[in-house]
């Protein structure tokens, strides 16, 4: 059975896992008022495919300790842009080139209010 953890706690656990993995330029977007599918988006970068995959493993391992499993995972094989969907929180971990190209912070930040957490 899934342990109840609110979205703010999920974000905190994700941020801790990303910090431990030396993620770059982590940003939390509060999209609760503008999105019907999630409350928060966490966007972060890894320096390489290897680091992106490592960061994804850290997030999954950290949340699985609380019996939280992703609803969906996209892009894990390529490691250029990986999305983990935890319902209330969606995590995007990207290589810098993909992040610059897609500009999720700009897209969602114009609608929501970004809160930066830089490394």
N, C-alpha and C. Protein backbone atom coordinates (compact mmCIF):
# COMPACT_ATOMS: atom_id res chain seq x y z
N UNK A 1 0.83 -1.19 0.00
CA UNK A 1 0.00 0.00 0.00
C UNK A 1 0.88 1.25 0.00
N UNK A 2 0.48 2.23 -0.76
CA UNK A 2 1.23 3.48 -0.86
C UNK A 2 1.06 4.31 0.40
N UNK A 3 2.17 4.72 0.97
CA UNK A 3 2.18 5.60 2.13
C UNK A 3 1.75 6.99 1.67
N UNK A 4 0.93 7.67 2.48
CA UNK A 4 0.52 9.02 2.09
C UNK A 4 1.63 10.01 2.39
N UNK A 5 2.06 10.67 1.36
CA UNK A 5 3.06 11.72 1.47
C UNK A 5 2.54 12.88 0.64
N UNK A 6 2.47 14.08 1.23
CA UNK A 6 1.92 15.20 0.45
C UNK A 6 2.94 15.70 -0.56
N UNK A 7 2.46 16.48 -1.52
CA UNK A 7 3.30 16.90 -2.64
C UNK A 7 4.51 17.72 -2.19
N UNK A 8 4.37 18.51 -1.14
CA UNK A 8 5.52 19.28 -0.64
C UNK A 8 6.61 18.36 -0.11
N UNK A 9 6.21 17.27 0.56
CA UNK A 9 7.19 16.31 1.05
C UNK A 9 7.85 15.56 -0.10
N UNK A 10 7.08 15.25 -1.14
CA UNK A 10 7.65 14.58 -2.31
C UNK A 10 8.70 15.49 -2.95
N UNK A 11 8.37 16.76 -3.10
CA UNK A 11 9.33 17.72 -3.67
C UNK A 11 10.59 17.77 -2.82
N UNK A 12 10.45 17.83 -1.51
CA UNK A 12 11.62 17.89 -0.62
C UNK A 12 12.50 16.65 -0.80
N UNK A 13 11.88 15.47 -0.86
CA UNK A 13 12.63 14.23 -1.05
C UNK A 13 13.36 14.22 -2.39
N UNK A 14 12.69 14.70 -3.43
CA UNK A 14 13.31 14.78 -4.76
C UNK A 14 14.49 15.74 -4.74
N UNK A 15 14.31 16.92 -4.14
CA UNK A 15 15.39 17.90 -4.08
C UNK A 15 16.60 17.35 -3.33
N UNK A 16 16.35 16.64 -2.24
CA UNK A 16 17.46 16.04 -1.48
C UNK A 16 18.22 15.02 -2.34
N UNK A 17 17.46 14.18 -3.07
CA UNK A 17 18.10 13.17 -3.93
C UNK A 17 18.91 13.85 -5.04
N UNK A 18 18.37 14.90 -5.63
CA UNK A 18 19.08 15.61 -6.69
C UNK A 18 20.32 16.32 -6.15
N UNK A 19 20.20 16.92 -4.96
CA UNK A 19 21.37 17.55 -4.33
C UNK A 19 22.47 16.53 -4.09
N UNK A 20 22.10 15.37 -3.57
CA UNK A 20 23.08 14.30 -3.30
C UNK A 20 23.79 13.85 -4.57
N UNK A 21 23.08 13.90 -5.70
CA UNK A 21 23.65 13.49 -6.97
C UNK A 21 24.33 14.61 -7.74
N UNK A 22 24.46 15.77 -7.11
CA UNK A 22 25.12 16.94 -7.72
C UNK A 22 24.43 17.40 -9.01
N UNK A 23 23.10 17.41 -8.99
CA UNK A 23 22.33 17.92 -10.12
C UNK A 23 22.60 19.41 -10.31
N UNK A 24 22.39 19.87 -11.52
CA UNK A 24 22.64 21.27 -11.85
C UNK A 24 21.33 22.04 -12.00
N UNK A 25 21.32 23.27 -11.51
CA UNK A 25 20.26 24.24 -11.78
C UNK A 25 18.85 23.69 -11.56
N UNK A 26 18.60 23.14 -10.42
CA UNK A 26 17.29 22.59 -10.11
C UNK A 26 16.29 23.69 -9.84
N UNK A 27 15.13 23.59 -10.48
CA UNK A 27 14.07 24.57 -10.34
C UNK A 27 12.77 23.84 -10.02
N UNK A 28 12.02 24.38 -9.08
CA UNK A 28 10.69 23.85 -8.75
C UNK A 28 9.66 24.85 -9.26
N UNK A 29 8.75 24.36 -10.09
CA UNK A 29 7.68 25.19 -10.62
C UNK A 29 6.38 24.79 -9.94
N UNK A 30 5.73 25.75 -9.31
CA UNK A 30 4.43 25.53 -8.69
C UNK A 30 3.37 25.76 -9.75
N UNK A 31 2.79 24.67 -10.27
CA UNK A 31 1.82 24.77 -11.37
C UNK A 31 0.42 24.34 -10.94
N UNK A 32 0.20 24.22 -9.65
CA UNK A 32 -1.07 23.74 -9.12
C UNK A 32 -2.26 24.56 -9.63
N UNK A 33 -2.11 25.87 -9.72
CA UNK A 33 -3.24 26.72 -10.13
C UNK A 33 -3.45 26.75 -11.63
N UNK A 34 -2.49 26.26 -12.39
CA UNK A 34 -2.59 26.33 -13.85
C UNK A 34 -2.60 24.96 -14.52
N UNK A 35 -2.47 23.90 -13.73
CA UNK A 35 -2.40 22.56 -14.29
C UNK A 35 -3.42 21.64 -13.63
N UNK A 36 -4.05 20.81 -14.44
CA UNK A 36 -5.01 19.85 -13.89
C UNK A 36 -4.36 18.50 -13.62
N UNK A 37 -3.10 18.32 -14.04
CA UNK A 37 -2.48 17.00 -13.91
C UNK A 37 -1.38 16.89 -12.88
N UNK A 38 -0.90 18.00 -12.36
CA UNK A 38 0.16 17.95 -11.35
C UNK A 38 0.19 19.25 -10.55
N UNK A 39 0.81 19.19 -9.37
CA UNK A 39 0.96 20.37 -8.53
C UNK A 39 2.31 21.06 -8.75
N UNK A 40 3.36 20.24 -8.90
CA UNK A 40 4.71 20.77 -9.03
C UNK A 40 5.45 20.08 -10.16
N UNK A 41 6.33 20.83 -10.79
CA UNK A 41 7.29 20.27 -11.73
C UNK A 41 8.67 20.59 -11.19
N UNK A 42 9.51 19.59 -11.16
CA UNK A 42 10.90 19.77 -10.79
C UNK A 42 11.71 19.59 -12.07
N UNK A 43 12.51 20.58 -12.41
CA UNK A 43 13.34 20.54 -13.61
C UNK A 43 14.79 20.65 -13.15
N UNK A 44 15.63 19.73 -13.65
CA UNK A 44 17.02 19.72 -13.24
C UNK A 44 17.87 19.20 -14.39
N UNK A 45 19.17 19.38 -14.28
CA UNK A 45 20.09 18.92 -15.32
C UNK A 45 21.18 18.04 -14.76
N UNK A 46 21.64 17.15 -15.63
CA UNK A 46 22.82 16.33 -15.37
C UNK A 46 23.83 16.63 -16.48
N UNK A 47 25.10 16.50 -16.17
CA UNK A 47 26.15 16.86 -17.13
C UNK A 47 26.29 15.90 -18.30
N UNK A 48 25.80 14.68 -18.14
CA UNK A 48 25.96 13.64 -19.16
C UNK A 48 24.80 12.65 -19.07
N UNK A 49 24.71 11.77 -20.06
CA UNK A 49 23.69 10.72 -20.02
C UNK A 49 23.86 9.89 -18.74
N UNK A 50 25.09 9.59 -18.42
CA UNK A 50 25.38 8.79 -17.22
C UNK A 50 24.87 9.47 -15.95
N UNK A 51 25.11 10.78 -15.83
CA UNK A 51 24.65 11.49 -14.64
C UNK A 51 23.13 11.61 -14.62
N UNK A 52 22.51 11.87 -15.78
CA UNK A 52 21.05 11.94 -15.83
C UNK A 52 20.46 10.61 -15.33
N UNK A 53 20.98 9.50 -15.82
CA UNK A 53 20.47 8.19 -15.40
C UNK A 53 20.72 7.94 -13.92
N UNK A 54 21.86 8.40 -13.43
CA UNK A 54 22.17 8.26 -12.01
C UNK A 54 21.21 9.09 -11.16
N UNK A 55 20.90 10.30 -11.60
CA UNK A 55 19.97 11.16 -10.87
C UNK A 55 18.57 10.54 -10.84
N UNK A 56 18.15 9.97 -11.94
CA UNK A 56 16.85 9.30 -12.00
C UNK A 56 16.82 8.14 -11.00
N UNK A 57 17.89 7.34 -10.98
CA UNK A 57 17.97 6.22 -10.02
C UNK A 57 17.87 6.73 -8.58
N UNK A 58 18.58 7.83 -8.29
CA UNK A 58 18.54 8.39 -6.93
C UNK A 58 17.13 8.82 -6.54
N UNK A 59 16.46 9.50 -7.45
CA UNK A 59 15.09 9.95 -7.16
C UNK A 59 14.18 8.73 -6.95
N UNK A 60 14.25 7.76 -7.86
CA UNK A 60 13.39 6.57 -7.74
C UNK A 60 13.68 5.81 -6.45
N UNK A 61 14.96 5.62 -6.12
CA UNK A 61 15.32 4.89 -4.90
C UNK A 61 14.84 5.62 -3.66
N UNK A 62 15.03 6.94 -3.63
CA UNK A 62 14.61 7.74 -2.48
C UNK A 62 13.10 7.65 -2.27
N UNK A 63 12.34 7.80 -3.35
CA UNK A 63 10.88 7.75 -3.22
C UNK A 63 10.36 6.34 -3.00
N UNK A 64 11.04 5.35 -3.53
CA UNK A 64 10.58 3.97 -3.30
C UNK A 64 10.74 3.56 -1.84
N UNK A 65 11.69 4.19 -1.13
CA UNK A 65 11.83 3.94 0.31
C UNK A 65 10.57 4.36 1.05
N UNK A 66 9.82 5.31 0.49
CA UNK A 66 8.55 5.77 1.06
C UNK A 66 7.36 5.10 0.37
N UNK A 67 7.66 4.04 -0.39
CA UNK A 67 6.64 3.28 -1.14
C UNK A 67 5.95 4.10 -2.21
N UNK A 68 6.68 5.03 -2.77
CA UNK A 68 6.16 5.86 -3.86
C UNK A 68 6.79 5.37 -5.16
N UNK A 69 5.96 5.00 -6.08
CA UNK A 69 6.40 4.52 -7.39
C UNK A 69 5.89 5.48 -8.47
N UNK A 70 6.69 5.70 -9.50
CA UNK A 70 6.21 6.58 -10.56
C UNK A 70 5.03 5.97 -11.31
N UNK A 71 4.12 6.83 -11.71
CA UNK A 71 2.98 6.42 -12.53
C UNK A 71 3.48 6.14 -13.95
N UNK A 72 4.46 6.92 -14.36
CA UNK A 72 5.03 6.77 -15.70
C UNK A 72 6.46 7.24 -15.74
N UNK A 73 7.22 6.66 -16.67
CA UNK A 73 8.61 7.03 -16.89
C UNK A 73 8.82 7.11 -18.40
N UNK A 74 9.41 8.20 -18.86
CA UNK A 74 9.68 8.40 -20.29
C UNK A 74 11.13 8.80 -20.48
N UNK A 75 11.77 8.28 -21.52
CA UNK A 75 13.10 8.70 -21.91
C UNK A 75 14.25 8.06 -21.17
N UNK A 76 13.97 7.06 -20.35
CA UNK A 76 15.02 6.48 -19.51
C UNK A 76 16.12 5.80 -20.33
N UNK A 77 15.78 5.21 -21.45
CA UNK A 77 16.79 4.50 -22.26
C UNK A 77 17.80 5.45 -22.88
N UNK A 78 17.34 6.60 -23.37
CA UNK A 78 18.26 7.52 -24.03
C UNK A 78 19.00 8.41 -23.04
N UNK A 79 18.33 8.84 -21.98
CA UNK A 79 18.97 9.64 -20.95
C UNK A 79 19.20 11.09 -21.32
N UNK A 80 18.62 11.53 -22.44
CA UNK A 80 18.76 12.93 -22.82
C UNK A 80 17.78 13.79 -22.04
N UNK A 81 16.55 13.32 -21.93
CA UNK A 81 15.49 13.97 -21.16
C UNK A 81 14.65 12.85 -20.57
N UNK A 82 14.66 12.76 -19.25
CA UNK A 82 13.90 11.71 -18.58
C UNK A 82 12.82 12.37 -17.74
N UNK A 83 11.62 11.83 -17.84
CA UNK A 83 10.47 12.33 -17.10
C UNK A 83 10.00 11.24 -16.15
N UNK A 84 9.83 11.59 -14.89
CA UNK A 84 9.24 10.71 -13.89
C UNK A 84 7.94 11.36 -13.43
N UNK A 85 6.84 10.64 -13.54
CA UNK A 85 5.53 11.17 -13.16
C UNK A 85 5.09 10.53 -11.85
N UNK A 86 5.05 11.33 -10.79
CA UNK A 86 4.58 10.87 -9.50
C UNK A 86 3.19 11.44 -9.18
N UNK A 87 2.46 11.81 -10.17
CA UNK A 87 1.12 12.35 -9.96
C UNK A 87 1.18 13.80 -9.55
N UNK A 88 1.30 14.04 -8.27
CA UNK A 88 1.34 15.41 -7.75
C UNK A 88 2.61 16.15 -8.14
N UNK A 89 3.65 15.39 -8.48
CA UNK A 89 4.94 15.97 -8.84
C UNK A 89 5.48 15.26 -10.09
N UNK A 90 5.88 16.05 -11.07
CA UNK A 90 6.50 15.52 -12.28
C UNK A 90 7.95 16.01 -12.29
N UNK A 91 8.88 15.08 -12.51
CA UNK A 91 10.30 15.39 -12.50
C UNK A 91 10.84 15.30 -13.92
N UNK A 92 11.54 16.35 -14.35
CA UNK A 92 12.22 16.37 -15.64
C UNK A 92 13.71 16.50 -15.36
N UNK A 93 14.49 15.52 -15.78
CA UNK A 93 15.94 15.62 -15.65
C UNK A 93 16.51 15.54 -17.06
N UNK A 94 17.26 16.58 -17.42
CA UNK A 94 17.69 16.74 -18.80
C UNK A 94 19.17 17.07 -18.88
N UNK A 95 19.73 16.76 -20.04
CA UNK A 95 21.05 17.28 -20.34
C UNK A 95 20.89 18.76 -20.67
N UNK A 96 21.91 19.56 -20.43
CA UNK A 96 21.78 21.01 -20.65
C UNK A 96 21.31 21.38 -22.06
N UNK A 97 21.75 20.68 -23.07
CA UNK A 97 21.34 21.03 -24.44
C UNK A 97 19.85 20.83 -24.65
N UNK A 98 19.30 19.74 -24.12
CA UNK A 98 17.85 19.50 -24.23
C UNK A 98 17.08 20.53 -23.41
N UNK A 99 17.60 20.85 -22.26
CA UNK A 99 16.93 21.81 -21.39
C UNK A 99 16.88 23.20 -22.05
N UNK A 100 17.98 23.57 -22.66
CA UNK A 100 18.01 24.87 -23.35
C UNK A 100 17.04 24.87 -24.54
N UNK A 101 16.99 23.77 -25.26
CA UNK A 101 16.12 23.69 -26.44
C UNK A 101 14.64 23.76 -26.06
N UNK A 102 14.22 22.99 -25.05
CA UNK A 102 12.79 22.92 -24.70
C UNK A 102 12.32 24.03 -23.77
N UNK A 103 13.21 24.60 -22.98
CA UNK A 103 12.91 25.75 -22.13
C UNK A 103 11.62 25.58 -21.30
N UNK A 104 11.53 24.48 -20.58
CA UNK A 104 10.34 24.22 -19.77
C UNK A 104 10.10 25.30 -18.72
N UNK A 105 11.16 25.81 -18.13
CA UNK A 105 10.99 26.84 -17.11
C UNK A 105 10.32 28.08 -17.69
N UNK A 106 10.73 28.45 -18.91
CA UNK A 106 10.13 29.62 -19.53
C UNK A 106 8.67 29.35 -19.86
N UNK A 107 8.40 28.19 -20.44
CA UNK A 107 7.04 27.83 -20.81
C UNK A 107 6.12 27.81 -19.59
N UNK A 108 6.50 27.06 -18.57
CA UNK A 108 5.65 26.93 -17.38
C UNK A 108 5.85 28.08 -16.42
N UNK A 109 7.05 28.67 -16.40
CA UNK A 109 7.33 29.78 -15.50
C UNK A 109 6.53 31.02 -15.80
N UNK A 110 6.21 31.19 -17.08
CA UNK A 110 5.37 32.34 -17.44
C UNK A 110 3.95 32.17 -16.90
N UNK A 111 3.57 30.92 -16.69
CA UNK A 111 2.23 30.63 -16.17
C UNK A 111 2.24 30.48 -14.65
N UNK A 112 3.29 29.84 -14.13
CA UNK A 112 3.40 29.61 -12.68
C UNK A 112 4.48 30.50 -12.10
N UNK A 113 4.86 30.22 -10.90
CA UNK A 113 5.89 31.00 -10.23
C UNK A 113 7.07 30.09 -9.92
N UNK A 114 8.20 30.25 -10.62
CA UNK A 114 9.34 29.38 -10.37
C UNK A 114 10.05 29.74 -9.08
N UNK A 115 10.55 28.72 -8.41
CA UNK A 115 11.38 28.87 -7.22
C UNK A 115 12.70 28.20 -7.53
N UNK A 116 13.80 28.93 -7.63
CA UNK A 116 15.08 28.35 -8.00
C UNK A 116 15.76 27.74 -6.81
N UNK A 117 16.56 26.73 -7.13
CA UNK A 117 17.44 26.12 -6.16
C UNK A 117 18.69 25.73 -6.94
N UNK A 118 19.63 26.62 -7.01
CA UNK A 118 20.83 26.43 -7.84
C UNK A 118 21.94 25.78 -7.05
N UNK A 119 22.79 25.08 -7.80
CA UNK A 119 23.95 24.40 -7.22
C UNK A 119 25.18 25.24 -7.41
